[in-house]
N, C-alpha and C. Protein backbone atom coordinates (compact mmCIF):
# COMPACT_ATOMS: atom_id res chain seq x y z
N LEU A 1 6.72 14.16 18.45
CA LEU A 1 5.12 13.98 18.04
C LEU A 1 5.17 14.85 16.42
N ARG A 2 4.25 13.89 15.42
CA ARG A 2 4.23 14.18 14.54
C ARG A 2 2.62 14.64 14.65
N SER A 3 2.58 16.06 13.74
CA SER A 3 1.20 16.48 13.61
C SER A 3 0.15 15.84 12.73
N ARG A 4 -0.78 16.18 12.81
CA ARG A 4 -1.87 15.56 11.94
C ARG A 4 -1.70 15.29 10.42
N THR A 5 -0.77 16.72 9.87
CA THR A 5 -0.94 16.75 8.89
C THR A 5 0.48 16.79 8.18
N HIS A 6 1.07 15.83 8.96
CA HIS A 6 2.39 15.32 8.77
C HIS A 6 2.15 14.32 7.15
N LYS A 7 3.18 14.70 6.47
CA LYS A 7 2.73 13.69 4.72
C LYS A 7 3.90 12.73 5.22
N MET A 8 3.40 11.47 4.54
CA MET A 8 4.50 10.35 5.16
C MET A 8 5.00 10.85 3.55
N GLN A 9 6.50 10.33 3.71
CA GLN A 9 7.50 10.23 2.40
C GLN A 9 7.94 9.12 1.64
N LEU A 10 7.90 9.07 0.71
CA LEU A 10 7.68 7.63 0.24
C LEU A 10 8.45 7.77 -1.02
N SER A 11 9.20 6.70 -1.34
CA SER A 11 10.12 6.51 -2.37
C SER A 11 8.82 6.39 -3.83
N ALA A 12 9.58 6.76 -4.91
CA ALA A 12 8.77 6.96 -6.17
C ALA A 12 7.71 5.08 -6.47
N ILE A 13 8.35 4.55 -6.52
CA ILE A 13 7.90 2.94 -6.69
C ILE A 13 6.57 2.93 -5.73
N ALA A 14 7.26 3.77 -4.46
CA ALA A 14 5.86 3.14 -2.68
C ALA A 14 4.77 3.85 -3.44
N ASP A 15 5.00 5.81 -3.89
CA ASP A 15 3.86 6.01 -4.42
C ASP A 15 3.58 5.91 -6.04
N GLU A 16 3.90 5.43 -6.29
CA GLU A 16 3.00 4.63 -7.62
C GLU A 16 2.55 3.39 -7.32
N LEU A 17 2.69 2.75 -6.26
CA LEU A 17 2.15 1.42 -5.71
C LEU A 17 0.92 2.26 -5.44
N LEU A 18 0.80 2.64 -4.28
CA LEU A 18 -0.47 3.53 -3.73
C LEU A 18 -1.37 4.26 -4.60
N ARG A 19 -0.93 4.91 -5.78
CA ARG A 19 -1.38 5.07 -6.58
C ARG A 19 -2.81 4.20 -7.47
N VAL A 20 -1.58 3.20 -7.42
CA VAL A 20 -2.74 1.64 -8.54
C VAL A 20 -3.19 1.35 -7.37
N LEU A 21 -2.95 0.74 -5.97
CA LEU A 21 -3.88 0.67 -5.16
C LEU A 21 -5.15 1.24 -5.01
N LEU A 22 -5.10 2.54 -4.85
CA LEU A 22 -6.07 3.13 -4.99
C LEU A 22 -6.93 3.15 -6.18
N ALA A 23 -6.67 2.90 -7.07
CA ALA A 23 -7.27 2.68 -8.51
C ALA A 23 -8.33 1.59 -8.69
N HIS A 24 -7.90 0.53 -7.15
CA HIS A 24 -8.29 -0.50 -7.50
C HIS A 24 -9.55 -0.66 -5.84
N GLU A 25 -10.61 0.17 -5.79
CA GLU A 25 -10.73 0.13 -4.67
C GLU A 25 -11.04 -1.05 -4.03
N ASP A 26 -11.29 -2.37 -4.58
CA ASP A 26 -11.53 -3.58 -3.74
C ASP A 26 -10.57 -4.35 -4.15
N GLY A 27 -9.51 -3.88 -4.34
CA GLY A 27 -8.12 -4.74 -3.94
C GLY A 27 -7.63 -5.09 -5.29
N ILE A 28 -6.39 -5.63 -5.60
CA ILE A 28 -5.81 -6.00 -6.35
C ILE A 28 -5.39 -6.97 -6.21
N SER A 29 -4.84 -8.42 -7.00
CA SER A 29 -4.08 -9.57 -7.24
C SER A 29 -3.45 -9.84 -6.83
N ASP A 30 -1.94 -10.66 -6.20
CA ASP A 30 -1.08 -10.32 -6.01
C ASP A 30 -0.50 -10.35 -8.00
N ASP A 31 -0.90 -11.95 -8.54
CA ASP A 31 -0.38 -11.64 -10.24
C ASP A 31 -0.64 -10.49 -10.89
N GLN A 32 -2.33 -9.48 -10.58
CA GLN A 32 -2.15 -8.25 -11.00
C GLN A 32 -1.36 -7.49 -11.16
N LEU A 33 -0.95 -7.42 -9.94
CA LEU A 33 0.31 -6.30 -9.53
C LEU A 33 1.21 -6.79 -9.73
N ARG A 34 1.58 -8.03 -10.43
CA ARG A 34 2.91 -8.32 -10.83
C ARG A 34 2.62 -8.35 -12.93
N ALA A 35 1.89 -8.07 -13.43
CA ALA A 35 1.59 -7.70 -14.42
C ALA A 35 1.07 -6.06 -15.11
N VAL A 36 0.91 -5.19 -14.04
CA VAL A 36 1.18 -4.26 -13.79
C VAL A 36 2.62 -3.98 -13.89
N PHE A 37 3.72 -4.35 -12.66
CA PHE A 37 4.68 -3.40 -12.85
C PHE A 37 5.62 -4.33 -13.19
N ASN A 38 5.44 -5.68 -13.54
CA ASN A 38 6.50 -6.80 -14.77
C ASN A 38 7.93 -6.78 -14.38
N GLU A 39 8.79 -6.16 -14.70
CA GLU A 39 10.31 -6.29 -14.40
C GLU A 39 10.45 -5.52 -13.00
N ARG A 40 9.70 -4.58 -12.51
CA ARG A 40 9.93 -4.33 -11.66
C ARG A 40 9.25 -4.46 -10.16
N TYR A 41 8.19 -5.95 -10.21
CA TYR A 41 7.66 -6.19 -9.16
C TYR A 41 8.76 -6.58 -8.09
N GLU A 42 9.56 -7.40 -8.51
CA GLU A 42 10.59 -7.63 -7.37
C GLU A 42 11.69 -6.16 -6.47
N GLN A 43 11.07 -5.59 -7.30
CA GLN A 43 11.62 -4.01 -6.26
C GLN A 43 10.98 -3.69 -5.27
N LEU A 44 9.22 -4.14 -5.15
CA LEU A 44 8.40 -3.26 -4.45
C LEU A 44 8.13 -4.02 -2.56
N ALA A 45 9.16 -5.08 -2.78
CA ALA A 45 8.77 -5.70 -1.28
C ALA A 45 8.95 -4.22 -0.38
N PRO A 46 9.84 -3.55 -0.84
CA PRO A 46 10.57 -2.17 0.26
C PRO A 46 9.04 -1.27 0.68
N ALA A 47 8.25 -1.13 -0.60
CA ALA A 47 7.49 -0.23 -1.22
C ALA A 47 6.08 -0.78 -0.12
N ILE A 48 6.17 -1.88 -0.36
CA ILE A 48 5.04 -2.30 0.69
C ILE A 48 5.03 -2.67 1.89
N ASN A 49 6.48 -2.98 2.69
CA ASN A 49 6.69 -2.95 4.09
C ASN A 49 6.68 -0.82 4.19
N ASP A 50 6.82 -0.50 3.26
CA ASP A 50 6.84 1.00 4.07
C ASP A 50 5.07 1.44 4.33
N LEU A 51 4.24 1.49 2.88
CA LEU A 51 3.17 1.34 2.79
C LEU A 51 2.24 0.85 4.38
N LEU A 52 2.85 -0.51 4.16
CA LEU A 52 2.58 -0.89 5.61
C LEU A 52 2.75 -0.59 7.19
N GLY A 53 4.09 0.24 7.18
CA GLY A 53 4.32 0.96 7.91
C GLY A 53 3.55 2.08 8.49
N HIS A 54 3.32 2.51 7.43
CA HIS A 54 2.31 3.73 7.59
C HIS A 54 0.96 3.33 7.53
N ASN A 55 0.29 2.73 7.56
CA ASN A 55 -1.23 2.09 7.66
C ASN A 55 -1.67 2.36 6.60
N ARG A 56 -1.40 2.22 5.64
CA ARG A 56 -1.80 2.78 3.95
C ARG A 56 -2.37 1.40 2.92
N LEU A 57 -1.43 0.45 3.85
CA LEU A 57 -1.84 -0.99 3.13
C LEU A 57 -2.29 -2.37 3.52
N GLN A 58 -3.61 -2.78 2.82
CA GLN A 58 -3.78 -4.14 4.06
C GLN A 58 -3.75 -5.51 3.21
N LEU A 59 -3.10 -6.40 3.54
CA LEU A 59 -3.25 -7.68 2.93
C LEU A 59 -3.76 -8.37 3.26
N PHE A 60 -4.70 -9.38 2.19
CA PHE A 60 -5.36 -10.09 2.95
C PHE A 60 -5.33 -11.42 2.14
N THR A 61 -6.10 -12.89 1.69
CA THR A 61 -6.68 -13.34 1.18
C THR A 61 -7.71 -14.06 0.23
N GLN A 62 -8.09 -14.48 -0.30
CA GLN A 62 -9.41 -14.64 -1.01
C GLN A 62 -9.23 -15.63 -1.84
N GLY A 63 -9.37 -17.00 -0.95
CA GLY A 63 -8.92 -18.29 -0.98
C GLY A 63 -7.55 -18.50 -0.72
N SER A 64 -7.08 -18.65 -2.09
CA SER A 64 -5.31 -18.72 -2.21
C SER A 64 -4.47 -17.14 -2.47
N THR A 65 -5.58 -16.65 -2.87
CA THR A 65 -4.71 -15.22 -4.20
C THR A 65 -4.27 -14.05 -2.66
N LEU A 66 -3.62 -14.25 -2.79
CA LEU A 66 -2.87 -12.80 -1.95
C LEU A 66 -3.45 -11.51 -2.78
N VAL A 67 -3.80 -10.30 -1.74
CA VAL A 67 -4.81 -9.68 -2.35
C VAL A 67 -4.49 -8.33 -1.43
N TYR A 68 -3.95 -6.99 -2.05
CA TYR A 68 -3.86 -5.90 -1.65
C TYR A 68 -4.67 -4.82 -1.93
N LYS A 69 -4.47 -4.04 -0.61
CA LYS A 69 -5.55 -2.89 -0.85
C LYS A 69 -5.33 -1.60 -0.28
N ALA A 70 -5.50 -0.50 -1.02
CA ALA A 70 -5.27 0.59 -0.33
C ALA A 70 -5.77 1.20 1.28
N ILE A 71 -5.97 1.87 1.60
CA ILE A 71 -6.29 1.93 3.56
C ILE A 71 -6.01 3.59 3.15
N LYS A 72 -6.91 4.39 2.70
CA LYS A 72 -7.50 5.95 2.04
C LYS A 72 -6.63 6.57 3.36
N GLU A 73 -5.93 7.87 2.78
CA GLU A 73 -5.42 8.62 3.89
C GLU A 73 -5.94 9.08 5.76
N GLU A 74 -7.59 9.10 4.61
CA GLU A 74 -8.37 9.89 5.76
C GLU A 74 -8.28 8.97 7.43
N ILE A 75 -8.17 7.45 6.70
CA ILE A 75 -8.37 6.39 8.37
C ILE A 75 -7.27 5.93 8.47
N ALA A 76 -6.18 6.26 7.53
CA ALA A 76 -4.67 5.63 8.18
C ALA A 76 -4.74 6.73 8.63
N GLN A 77 -4.82 7.94 9.44
CA GLN A 77 -5.02 8.78 10.05
C GLN A 77 -5.22 8.85 11.75
N LYS A 78 -6.26 7.98 11.91
CA LYS A 78 -6.82 7.76 12.34
C LYS A 78 -6.41 6.30 13.67
N PHE A 79 -5.34 6.01 12.46
CA PHE A 79 -4.33 4.78 13.46
C PHE A 79 -3.14 5.12 13.80
N GLU A 80 -2.76 6.42 13.12
CA GLU A 80 -1.42 6.91 13.46
C GLU A 80 -1.48 6.84 15.02
N GLY A 81 -0.25 6.47 15.51
CA GLY A 81 0.16 6.58 16.83
C GLY A 81 -0.41 5.52 18.01
N LEU A 82 -1.43 4.42 16.98
CA LEU A 82 -1.57 3.37 17.97
C LEU A 82 -0.63 2.12 17.70
N GLY A 83 -0.51 1.08 18.63
CA GLY A 83 0.59 -0.01 18.22
C GLY A 83 0.24 -0.63 18.76
């Protein structure tokens, strides 16, 4: 069992993605994310999956736009262990 203080280990790009998302409290669109990461955008899929797996990322649509939003660590910890 993991302790509550367990820090998740993220790849460098997942860590960077999380910092970008946390800076945009209302979420960031897929187009904005593409602009931030430019040529590295294609490398985001594993980072997105990693953050989703750690309950640190929420994906939703606003109209026809895909939006990414960070889930703060305190909230993510409440979901840890729930299946």
